Amino acid sequence: MASHRFDPNFTDNVINAMGPKTNPRFRQLMTGLIKHVHDFARENELTVEEWMAAVQFMNWAGQMSDNKRNEGQLVCDVIGLESLVDEITFTLAEEAQDIPTATAILGPFFRADTPFRENGTNIVRTPAKGGVMAFMHGRVVDFVTKKPLVGATVEVWQASTNGLYEQQDPEQEEFNLRGKFKTDNDGRYSLYCLRPTPYPVPDDGPAGKLLHLMDRHPFRPAHIHIIALCNGYKALTTQIFDRNDPYLTNDSVFAVKDSLVVDFVPRKDDPQAGLELNYDVKLVPSDEA
């Protein structure tokens, strides 16, 4: 029996409209989505005016998105949805006894066209005011055997000290603070980068407006994005966070995991960098391997 005063058959009619050729997993997902969305509308007695405001909000996110910025994804980030999906995915992997490097959200400023660079390259192409240089290096290894993975790809990107990624800032050279690197015969990668700094997520779009309406701060803790790929292994998308950052326990997109918090330590006898970060990546063999 329906616990509301609206048409008790409406939601079931919408769900049952799916035909017999519907993919079973897609049917499961859509059934759950329709039930939750309809229940939300009934429980809150959503008005046409409020619904249209939400539609316009989603349209705005789409209109702002392109191959350099994903505002729809940023909206999902600030309500914690992407981090929740990431937690679910990683938990399922743990239950399957795959415990590689922890994952974290992709974020809205990934670029698929980032170029490859030689190991040891400085990815700081545009000087950053107040920036502190660091040498980042490590190995990519097989989680099971601990053997180094030769020819794996490690892609990194980060914001500059003004809080902007290069595609947000016309003053930065294209692909500033970005690079893809191939591991050497010992499974090692290396690069010079900035010690990351905290920054606010963009407030010029729907995600920023949503944060304002919820009376929340927009800041993300200092972090570096990483994607690691290797043939025969599950792809890894993650972020690493500076242990000394004040926003570690209050990330505006809820992406911090304890195992992703890292330490930058002093580096000696290197005129290019006063700090270094040793960070190893562990990849799990894919089911198809």
C-alpha atoms as a PDB file:
ATOM      1  CA  MET A   1       0.000   0.000   0.000  1.00  0.00           C
ATOM      2  CA  ALA A   2       1.335   3.460  -0.920  1.00  0.00           C
ATOM      3  CA  SER A   3       2.433   5.647   2.010  1.00  0.00           C
ATOM      4  CA  HIS A   4       1.641   8.865   0.144  1.00  0.00           C
ATOM      5  CA  ARG A   5      -1.408  10.611  -1.300  1.00  0.00           C
ATOM      6  CA  PHE A   6      -0.333  10.489  -4.935  1.00  0.00           C
ATOM      7  CA  ASP A   7      -1.077   7.937  -7.695  1.00  0.00           C
ATOM      8  CA  PRO A   8       0.099   4.650  -6.112  1.00  0.00           C
ATOM      9  CA  ASN A   9       0.705   2.984  -9.492  1.00  0.00           C
ATOM     10  CA  PHE A  10       2.630   5.746 -11.256  1.00  0.00           C
ATOM     11  CA  THR A  11       6.204   4.667 -10.431  1.00  0.00           C
ATOM     12  CA  ASP A  12       5.537   1.001 -11.185  1.00  0.00           C
ATOM     13  CA  ASN A  13       4.007   1.980 -14.528  1.00  0.00           C
ATOM     14  CA  VAL A  14       7.168   3.891 -15.476  1.00  0.00           C
ATOM     15  CA  ILE A  15       9.435   1.008 -14.443  1.00  0.00           C
ATOM     16  CA  ASN A  16       7.310  -1.596 -16.189  1.00  0.00           C
ATOM     17  CA  ALA A  17       7.447   0.399 -19.430  1.00  0.00           C
ATOM     18  CA  MET A  18      10.950  -0.978 -19.998  1.00  0.00           C
ATOM     19  CA  GLY A  19      10.816  -3.676 -22.655  1.00  0.00           C
ATOM     20  CA  PRO A  20      12.064  -7.284 -22.528  1.00  0.00           C
ATOM     21  CA  LYS A  21      15.248  -6.465 -24.453  1.00  0.00           C
ATOM     22  CA  THR A  22      16.500  -4.114 -21.721  1.00  0.00           C
ATOM     23  CA  ASN A  23      19.949  -5.130 -20.442  1.00  0.00           C
ATOM     24  CA  PRO A  24      19.482  -6.707 -16.957  1.00  0.00           C
ATOM     25  CA  ARG A  25      22.067  -4.506 -15.240  1.00  0.00           C
ATOM     26  CA  PHE A  26      20.677  -1.392 -16.928  1.00  0.00           C
ATOM     27  CA  ARG A  27      17.173  -2.430 -15.825  1.00  0.00           C
ATOM     28  CA  GLN A  28      18.408  -2.789 -12.242  1.00  0.00           C
ATOM     29  CA  LEU A  29      20.086   0.627 -12.285  1.00  0.00           C
ATOM     30  CA  MET A  30      17.135   2.409 -13.896  1.00  0.00           C
ATOM     31  CA  THR A  31      14.619   0.748 -11.563  1.00  0.00           C
ATOM     32  CA  GLY A  32      16.556   1.970  -8.534  1.00  0.00           C
ATOM     33  CA  LEU A  33      17.047   5.434 -10.010  1.00  0.00           C
ATOM     34  CA  ILE A  34      13.386   5.876 -10.934  1.00  0.00           C
ATOM     35  CA  LYS A  35      12.224   4.676  -7.509  1.00  0.00           C
ATOM     36  CA  HIS A  36      14.572   7.004  -5.613  1.00  0.00           C
ATOM     37  CA  VAL A  37      13.901  10.038  -7.811  1.00  0.00           C
ATOM     38  CA  HIS A  38      10.139   9.551  -7.654  1.00  0.00           C
ATOM     39  CA  ASP A  39      10.245   9.006  -3.885  1.00  0.00           C
ATOM     40  CA  PHE A  40      12.354  12.161  -3.511  1.00  0.00           C
ATOM     41  CA  ALA A  41       9.818  14.171  -5.504  1.00  0.00           C
ATOM     42  CA  ARG A  42       6.858  12.849  -3.489  1.00  0.00           C
ATOM     43  CA  GLU A  43       8.516  13.081  -0.062  1.00  0.00           C
ATOM     44  CA  ASN A  44       9.490  16.707  -0.667  1.00  0.00           C
ATOM     45  CA  GLU A  45       6.356  17.542  -2.705  1.00  0.00           C
ATOM     46  CA  LEU A  46       8.567  18.949  -5.440  1.00  0.00           C
ATOM     47  CA  THR A  47       6.917  21.768  -7.396  1.00  0.00           C
ATOM     48  CA  VAL A  48       7.165  22.410 -11.131  1.00  0.00           C
ATOM     49  CA  GLU A  49       9.089  25.610 -10.409  1.00  0.00           C
ATOM     50  CA  GLU A  50      11.660  23.747  -8.314  1.00  0.00           C
ATOM     51  CA  TRP A  51      11.954  20.941 -10.857  1.00  0.00           C
ATOM     52  CA  MET A  52      12.511  23.419 -13.696  1.00  0.00           C
ATOM     53  CA  ALA A  53      15.207  25.161 -11.643  1.00  0.00           C
ATOM     54  CA  ALA A  54      16.955  21.787 -11.311  1.00  0.00           C
ATOM     55  CA  VAL A  55      16.652  21.124 -15.053  1.00  0.00           C
ATOM     56  CA  GLN A  56      18.121  24.543 -15.835  1.00  0.00           C
ATOM     57  CA  PHE A  57      20.900  23.841 -13.320  1.00  0.00           C
ATOM     58  CA  MET A  58      21.806  20.595 -15.135  1.00  0.00           C
ATOM     59  CA  ASN A  59      21.608  22.343 -18.502  1.00  0.00           C
ATOM     60  CA  TRP A  60      23.978  25.028 -17.199  1.00  0.00           C
ATOM     61  CA  ALA A  61      26.497  22.362 -16.178  1.00  0.00           C
ATOM     62  CA  GLY A  62      26.310  20.836 -19.641  1.00  0.00           C
ATOM     63  CA  GLN A  63      26.707  24.173 -21.381  1.00  0.00           C
ATOM     64  CA  MET A  64      29.884  24.903 -19.378  1.00  0.00           C
ATOM     65  CA  SER A  65      31.471  21.515 -20.073  1.00  0.00           C
ATOM     66  CA  ASP A  66      33.926  20.788 -22.880  1.00  0.00           C
ATOM     67  CA  ASN A  67      37.038  18.663 -23.442  1.00  0.00           C
ATOM     68  CA  LYS A  68      38.985  20.795 -20.949  1.00  0.00           C
ATOM     69  CA  ARG A  69      36.424  21.143 -18.138  1.00  0.00           C
ATOM     70  CA  ASN A  70      33.665  18.841 -16.906  1.00  0.00           C
ATOM     71  CA  GLU A  71      31.265  20.941 -14.838  1.00  0.00           C
ATOM     72  CA  GLY A  72      28.733  18.113 -14.561  1.00  0.00           C
ATOM     73  CA  GLN A  73      31.398  15.983 -12.939  1.00  0.00           C
ATOM     74  CA  LEU A  74      32.291  18.838 -10.589  1.00  0.00           C
ATOM     75  CA  VAL A  75      28.659  19.055  -9.467  1.00  0.00           C
ATOM     76  CA  CYS A  76      28.805  15.321  -8.686  1.00  0.00           C
ATOM     77  CA  ASP A  77      32.047  15.951  -6.803  1.00  0.00           C
ATOM     78  CA  VAL A  78      30.718  18.635  -4.451  1.00  0.00           C
ATOM     79  CA  ILE A  79      27.763  16.469  -3.405  1.00  0.00           C
ATOM     80  CA  GLY A  80      30.167  13.588  -2.780  1.00  0.00           C
ATOM     81  CA  LEU A  81      28.726  11.297  -5.451  1.00  0.00           C
ATOM     82  CA  GLU A  82      31.952  10.629  -7.361  1.00  0.00           C
ATOM     83  CA  SER A  83      33.867   9.939  -4.148  1.00  0.00           C
ATOM     84  CA  LEU A  84      31.079   7.616  -2.958  1.00  0.00           C
ATOM     85  CA  VAL A  85      31.142   5.676  -6.241  1.00  0.00           C
ATOM     86  CA  ASP A  86      34.939   5.514  -5.948  1.00  0.00           C
ATOM     87  CA  GLU A  87      34.620   4.133  -2.394  1.00  0.00           C
ATOM     88  CA  ILE A  88      32.115   1.505  -3.544  1.00  0.00           C
ATOM     89  CA  THR A  89      34.373   0.436  -6.410  1.00  0.00           C
ATOM     90  CA  PHE A  90      37.480   0.247  -4.221  1.00  0.00           C
ATOM     91  CA  THR A  91      35.610  -1.641  -1.487  1.00  0.00           C
ATOM     92  CA  LEU A  92      34.456  -4.228  -4.017  1.00  0.00           C
ATOM     93  CA  ALA A  93      38.068  -4.612  -5.146  1.00  0.00           C
ATOM     94  CA  GLU A  94      39.189  -5.106  -1.537  1.00  0.00           C
ATOM     95  CA  GLU A  95      36.545  -7.773  -0.999  1.00  0.00           C
ATOM     96  CA  ALA A  96      37.939  -9.528  -4.070  1.00  0.00           C
ATOM     97  CA  GLN A  97      41.349  -9.438  -2.326  1.00  0.00           C
ATOM     98  CA  ASP A  98      42.720  -6.858  -4.739  1.00  0.00           C
ATOM     99  CA  ILE A  99      44.297  -4.171  -2.546  1.00  0.00           C
ATOM    100  CA  PRO A 100      46.390  -2.001  -4.852  1.00  0.00           C
ATOM    101  CA  THR A 101      47.149   1.691  -4.522  1.00  0.00           C
ATOM    102  CA  ALA A 102      43.913   3.349  -3.371  1.00  0.00           C
ATOM    103  CA  THR A 103      41.804   5.089  -5.974  1.00  0.00           C
ATOM    104  CA  ALA A 104      40.434   8.641  -5.966  1.00  0.00           C
ATOM    105  CA  ILE A 105      38.213  10.707  -8.245  1.00  0.00           C
ATOM    106  CA  LEU A 106      39.298  11.828 -11.705  1.00  0.00           C
ATOM    107  CA  GLY A 107      38.206  15.436 -11.229  1.00  0.00           C
ATOM    108  CA  PRO A 108      36.875  17.844 -13.859  1.00  0.00           C
ATOM    109  CA  PHE A 109      40.196  19.049 -15.331  1.00  0.00           C
ATOM    110  CA  PHE A 110      41.656  15.883 -16.834  1.00  0.00           C
ATOM    111  CA  ARG A 111      42.906  16.202 -20.430  1.00  0.00           C
ATOM    112  CA  ALA A 112      43.063  13.150 -22.685  1.00  0.00           C
ATOM    113  CA  ASP A 113      45.639  14.795 -24.971  1.00  0.00           C
ATOM    114  CA  THR A 114      48.460  15.318 -22.457  1.00  0.00           C
ATOM    115  CA  PRO A 115      51.832  14.659 -24.153  1.00  0.00           C
ATOM    116  CA  PHE A 116      54.490  12.144 -23.149  1.00  0.00           C
ATOM    117  CA  ARG A 117      57.651  13.540 -21.567  1.00  0.00           C
ATOM    118  CA  GLU A 118      61.046  12.046 -20.740  1.00  0.00           C
ATOM    119  CA  ASN A 119      61.659  10.848 -17.208  1.00  0.00           C
ATOM    120  CA  GLY A 120      63.249  13.577 -15.125  1.00  0.00           C
ATOM    121  CA  THR A 121      61.475  16.348 -17.079  1.00  0.00           C
ATOM    122  CA  ASN A 122      60.299  19.504 -15.329  1.00  0.00           C
ATOM    123  CA  ILE A 123      56.542  19.830 -15.941  1.00  0.00           C
ATOM    124  CA  VAL A 124      56.543  23.424 -14.666  1.00  0.00           C
ATOM    125  CA  ARG A 125      56.433  25.240 -18.024  1.00  0.00           C
ATOM    126  CA  THR A 126      55.162  28.537 -16.618  1.00  0.00           C
ATOM    127  CA  PRO A 127      56.763  30.037 -13.483  1.00  0.00           C
ATOM    128  CA  ALA A 128      54.458  29.811 -10.449  1.00  0.00           C
ATOM    129  CA  LYS A 129      54.484  32.652  -7.940  1.00  0.00           C
ATOM    130  CA  GLY A 130      55.637  31.312  -4.590  1.00  0.00           C
ATOM    131  CA  GLY A 131      55.960  27.793  -6.007  1.00  0.00           C
ATOM    132  CA  VAL A 132      58.200  25.261  -4.262  1.00  0.00           C
ATOM    133  CA  MET A 133      59.867  22.742  -6.556  1.00  0.00           C
ATOM    134  CA  ALA A 134      59.822  19.023  -5.789  1.00  0.00           C
ATOM    135  CA  PHE A 135      61.298  15.925  -7.403  1.00  0.00           C
ATOM    136  CA  MET A 136      58.646  13.211  -7.605  1.00  0.00           C
ATOM    137  CA  HIS A 137      59.732   9.656  -8.338  1.00  0.00           C
ATOM    138  CA  GLY A 138      58.850   6.059  -7.674  1.00  0.00           C
ATOM    139  CA  ARG A 139      58.160   2.657  -9.145  1.00  0.00           C
ATOM    140  CA  VAL A 140      55.142   1.003 -10.702  1.00  0.00           C
ATOM    141  CA  VAL A 141      54.932  -2.593  -9.517  1.00  0.00           C
ATOM    142  CA  ASP A 142      52.730  -5.655  -9.791  1.00  0.00           C
ATOM    143  CA  PHE A 143      50.705  -5.781  -6.588  1.00  0.00           C
ATOM    144  CA  VAL A 144      50.826  -9.572  -6.437  1.00  0.00           C
ATOM    145  CA  THR A 145      54.452 -10.289  -7.356  1.00  0.00           C
ATOM    146  CA  LYS A 146      55.959  -6.906  -6.406  1.00  0.00           C
ATOM    147  CA  LYS A 147      57.947  -7.031  -9.661  1.00  0.00           C
ATOM    148  CA  PRO A 148      58.536  -3.737 -11.490  1.00  0.00           C
ATOM    149  CA  LEU A 149      56.341  -2.993 -14.493  1.00  0.00           C
ATOM    150  CA  VAL A 150      58.407  -1.841 -17.455  1.00  0.00           C
ATOM    151  CA  GLY A 151      56.768   0.527 -19.941  1.00  0.00           C
ATOM    152  CA  ALA A 152      53.852   1.455 -17.690  1.00  0.00           C
ATOM    153  CA  THR A 153      52.381   4.936 -18.163  1.00  0.00           C
ATOM    154  CA  VAL A 154      52.210   7.365 -15.262  1.00  0.00           C
ATOM    155  CA  GLU A 155      50.245  10.535 -16.016  1.00  0.00           C
ATOM    156  CA  VAL A 156      50.270  13.455 -13.596  1.00  0.00           C
ATOM    157  CA  TRP A 157      48.598  16.856 -13.477  1.00  0.00           C
ATOM    158  CA  GLN A 158      48.200  19.562 -10.869  1.00  0.00           C
ATOM    159  CA  ALA A 159      47.002  23.122 -10.358  1.00  0.00           C
ATOM    160  CA  SER A 160      49.415  26.023 -10.171  1.00  0.00           C
ATOM    161  CA  THR A 161      49.904  28.124  -7.053  1.00  0.00           C
ATOM    162  CA  ASN A 162      47.159  30.530  -8.163  1.00  0.00           C
ATOM    163  CA  GLY A 163      44.678  27.675  -7.824  1.00  0.00           C
ATOM    164  CA  LEU A 164      44.136  27.253 -11.559  1.00  0.00           C
ATOM    165  CA  TYR A 165      44.804  24.379 -13.943  1.00  0.00           C
ATOM    166  CA  GLU A 166      46.388  25.421 -17.216  1.00  0.00           C
ATOM    167  CA  GLN A 167      43.174  25.260 -19.253  1.00  0.00           C
ATOM    168  CA  GLN A 168      41.565  27.705 -16.808  1.00  0.00           C
ATOM    169  CA  ASP A 169      44.388  30.239 -17.038  1.00  0.00           C
ATOM    170  CA  PRO A 170      45.398  31.987 -20.284  1.00  0.00           C
ATOM    171  CA  GLU A 171      48.677  33.027 -18.623  1.00  0.00           C
ATOM    172  CA  GLN A 172      49.853  29.419 -18.347  1.00  0.00           C
ATOM    173  CA  GLU A 173      51.508  27.598 -21.228  1.00  0.00           C
ATOM    174  CA  GLU A 174      49.383  24.803 -22.646  1.00  0.00           C
ATOM    175  CA  PHE A 175      49.983  21.510 -20.801  1.00  0.00           C
ATOM    176  CA  ASN A 176      51.733  23.352 -17.973  1.00  0.00           C
ATOM    177  CA  LEU A 177      51.984  21.078 -14.931  1.00  0.00           C
ATOM    178  CA  ARG A 178      50.984  17.997 -16.939  1.00  0.00           C
ATOM    179  CA  GLY A 179      52.857  15.048 -18.339  1.00  0.00           C
ATOM    180  CA  LYS A 180      52.805  11.359 -19.198  1.00  0.00           C
ATOM    181  CA  PHE A 181      55.838   9.243 -18.355  1.00  0.00           C
ATOM    182  CA  LYS A 182      56.908   5.708 -19.280  1.00  0.00           C
ATOM    183  CA  THR A 183      58.577   3.590 -16.619  1.00  0.00           C
ATOM    184  CA  ASP A 184      62.117   2.432 -17.351  1.00  0.00           C
ATOM    185  CA  ASN A 185      63.629  -1.043 -17.128  1.00  0.00           C
ATOM    186  CA  ASP A 186      63.419  -0.874 -13.332  1.00  0.00           C
ATOM    187  CA  GLY A 187      59.788   0.224 -13.405  1.00  0.00           C
ATOM    188  CA  ARG A 188      60.750   3.751 -12.362  1.00  0.00           C
ATOM    189  CA  TYR A 189      59.286   7.121 -13.320  1.00  0.00           C
ATOM    190  CA  SER A 190      60.478  10.595 -12.308  1.00  0.00           C
ATOM    191  CA  LEU A 191      59.653  14.258 -12.831  1.00  0.00           C
ATOM    192  CA  TYR A 192      60.012  17.720 -11.375  1.00  0.00           C
ATOM    193  CA  CYS A 193      56.787  19.388 -10.266  1.00  0.00           C
ATOM    194  CA  LEU A 194      55.439  21.844  -7.722  1.00  0.00           C
ATOM    195  CA  ARG A 195      54.680  20.994  -4.153  1.00  0.00           C
ATOM    196  CA  PRO A 196      50.884  21.239  -4.503  1.00  0.00           C
ATOM    197  CA  THR A 197      48.888  23.963  -2.792  1.00  0.00           C
ATOM    198  CA  PRO A 198      45.209  24.057  -1.762  1.00  0.00           C
ATOM    199  CA  TYR A 199      42.757  25.850  -4.021  1.00  0.00           C
ATOM    200  CA  PRO A 200      39.018  26.541  -4.313  1.00  0.00           C
ATOM    201  CA  VAL A 201      36.953  24.696  -6.899  1.00  0.00           C
ATOM    202  CA  PRO A 202      35.617  27.091  -9.569  1.00  0.00           C
ATOM    203  CA  ASP A 203      32.755  29.248  -8.342  1.00  0.00           C
ATOM    204  CA  ASP A 204      31.681  30.568 -11.747  1.00  0.00           C
ATOM    205  CA  GLY A 205      29.315  27.696 -12.481  1.00  0.00           C
ATOM    206  CA  PRO A 206      26.613  25.513 -10.945  1.00  0.00           C
ATOM    207  CA  ALA A 207      29.000  23.619  -8.653  1.00  0.00           C
ATOM    208  CA  GLY A 208      30.165  26.867  -7.066  1.00  0.00           C
ATOM    209  CA  LYS A 209      26.601  28.103  -6.733  1.00  0.00           C
ATOM    210  CA  LEU A 210      25.592  24.830  -5.089  1.00  0.00           C
ATOM    211  CA  LEU A 211      28.396  25.142  -2.530  1.00  0.00           C
ATOM    212  CA  HIS A 212      27.269  28.694  -1.758  1.00  0.00           C
ATOM    213  CA  LEU A 213      23.649  27.609  -1.315  1.00  0.00           C
ATOM    214  CA  MET A 214      24.790  24.845   1.070  1.00  0.00           C
ATOM    215  CA  ASP A 215      26.978  27.330   3.014  1.00  0.00           C
ATOM    216  CA  ARG A 216      30.106  25.261   2.397  1.00  0.00           C
ATOM    217  CA  HIS A 217      33.688  26.292   1.706  1.00  0.00           C
ATOM    218  CA  PRO A 218      35.058  25.483  -1.780  1.00  0.00           C
ATOM    219  CA  PHE A 219      38.614  24.406  -0.918  1.00  0.00           C
ATOM    220  CA  ARG A 220      40.390  21.260  -1.974  1.00  0.00           C
ATOM    221  CA  PRO A 221      43.502  20.119  -0.095  1.00  0.00           C
ATOM    222  CA  ALA A 222      46.828  20.233  -1.914  1.00  0.00           C
ATOM    223  CA  HIS A 223      47.049  17.264  -4.261  1.00  0.00           C
ATOM    224  CA  ILE A 224      48.525  15.792  -7.424  1.00  0.00           C
ATOM    225  CA  HIS A 225      46.426  13.730  -9.834  1.00  0.00           C
ATOM    226  CA  ILE A 226      47.777  10.406 -11.118  1.00  0.00           C
ATOM    227  CA  ILE A 227      46.620   7.905 -13.717  1.00  0.00           C
ATOM    228  CA  ALA A 228      48.672   4.712 -14.058  1.00  0.00           C
ATOM    229  CA  LEU A 229      48.226   2.283 -16.951  1.00  0.00           C
ATOM    230  CA  CYS A 230      49.936  -0.905 -18.007  1.00  0.00           C
ATOM    231  CA  ASN A 231      48.928  -3.649 -20.443  1.00  0.00           C
ATOM    232  CA  GLY A 232      47.399  -6.565 -18.566  1.00  0.00           C
ATOM    233  CA  TYR A 233      46.597  -4.496 -15.457  1.00  0.00           C
ATOM    234  CA  LYS A 234      43.615  -2.608 -14.139  1.00  0.00           C
ATOM    235  CA  ALA A 235      43.885   1.130 -14.752  1.00  0.00           C
ATOM    236  CA  LEU A 236      44.376   3.293 -11.681  1.00  0.00           C
ATOM    237  CA  THR A 237      43.032   6.811 -11.203  1.00  0.00           C
ATOM    238  CA  THR A 238      44.036   8.459  -7.954  1.00  0.00           C
ATOM    239  CA  GLN A 239      45.209  11.587  -6.146  1.00  0.00           C
ATOM    240  CA  ILE A 240      47.911  12.066  -3.519  1.00  0.00           C
ATOM    241  CA  PHE A 241      47.607  14.652  -0.755  1.00  0.00           C
ATOM    242  CA  ASP A 242      50.188  16.665   1.163  1.00  0.00           C
ATOM    243  CA  ARG A 243      50.119  15.649   4.828  1.00  0.00           C
ATOM    244  CA  ASN A 244      50.609  19.239   5.997  1.00  0.00           C
ATOM    245  CA  ASP A 245      47.511  20.618   4.273  1.00  0.00           C
ATOM    246  CA  PRO A 246      44.848  22.232   6.506  1.00  0.00           C
ATOM    247  CA  TYR A 247      41.951  20.921   4.375  1.00  0.00           C
ATOM    248  CA  LEU A 248      42.813  17.211   4.612  1.00  0.00           C
ATOM    249  CA  THR A 249      39.875  16.543   6.933  1.00  0.00           C
ATOM    250  CA  ASN A 250      37.491  18.907   5.143  1.00  0.00           C
ATOM    251  CA  ASP A 251      37.910  18.355   1.397  1.00  0.00           C
ATOM    252  CA  SER A 252      35.111  20.031  -0.560  1.00  0.00           C
ATOM    253  CA  VAL A 253      34.750  16.914  -2.756  1.00  0.00           C
ATOM    254  CA  PHE A 254      35.376  14.274  -0.020  1.00  0.00           C
ATOM    255  CA  ALA A 255      38.197  12.511  -1.912  1.00  0.00           C
ATOM    256  CA  VAL A 256      40.903  12.102   0.770  1.00  0.00           C
ATOM    257  CA  LYS A 257      41.861   8.591   1.906  1.00  0.00           C
ATOM    258  CA  ASP A 258      44.451   7.990   4.633  1.00  0.00           C
ATOM    259  CA  SER A 259      46.614   5.824   2.369  1.00  0.00           C
ATOM    260  CA  LEU A 260      46.856   8.652  -0.188  1.00  0.00           C
ATOM    261  CA  VAL A 261      48.400  11.155   2.234  1.00  0.00           C
ATOM    262  CA  VAL A 262      52.096  11.636   1.450  1.00  0.00           C
ATOM    263  CA  ASP A 263      55.158  13.392   2.864  1.00  0.00           C
ATOM    264  CA  PHE A 264      57.392  15.778   0.973  1.00  0.00           C
ATOM    265  CA  VAL A 265      60.898  15.573   2.463  1.00  0.00           C
ATOM    266  CA  PRO A 266      64.040  17.699   2.012  1.00  0.00           C
ATOM    267  CA  ARG A 267      66.166  16.876  -1.043  1.00  0.00           C
ATOM    268  CA  LYS A 268      69.911  17.435  -0.926  1.00  0.00           C
ATOM    269  CA  ASP A 269      72.353  18.497  -3.624  1.00  0.00           C
ATOM    270  CA  ASP A 270      69.750  19.202  -6.291  1.00  0.00           C
ATOM    271  CA  PRO A 271      69.674  22.776  -7.626  1.00  0.00           C
ATOM    272  CA  GLN A 272      66.298  22.132  -9.297  1.00  0.00           C
ATOM    273  CA  ALA A 273      64.333  21.093  -6.206  1.00  0.00           C
ATOM    274  CA  GLY A 274      64.550  21.424  -2.447  1.00  0.00           C
ATOM    275  CA  LEU A 275      61.939  18.738  -1.780  1.00  0.00           C
ATOM    276  CA  GLU A 276      61.269  15.226  -2.989  1.00  0.00           C
ATOM    277  CA  LEU A 277      58.421  12.740  -2.937  1.00  0.00           C
ATOM    278  CA  ASN A 278      58.953   9.013  -3.364  1.00  0.00           C
ATOM    279  CA  TYR A 279      55.641   7.459  -4.411  1.00  0.00           C
ATOM    280  CA  ASP A 280      55.222   3.889  -5.615  1.00  0.00           C
ATOM    281  CA  VAL A 281      52.148   2.699  -7.514  1.00  0.00           C
ATOM    282  CA  LYS A 282      50.806  -0.859  -7.177  1.00  0.00           C
ATOM    283  CA  LEU A 283      48.677  -2.228 -10.016  1.00  0.00           C
ATOM    284  CA  VAL A 284      46.443  -5.293  -9.935  1.00  0.00           C
ATOM    285  CA  PRO A 285      46.414  -7.715 -12.902  1.00  0.00           C
ATOM    286  CA  SER A 286      43.236  -7.409 -14.927  1.00  0.00           C
ATOM    287  CA  ASP A 287      40.732 -10.233 -15.077  1.00  0.00           C
ATOM    288  CA  GLU A 288      41.523 -10.655 -18.768  1.00  0.00           C
ATOM    289  CA  ALA A 289      45.272 -10.964 -18.250  1.00  0.00           C
END
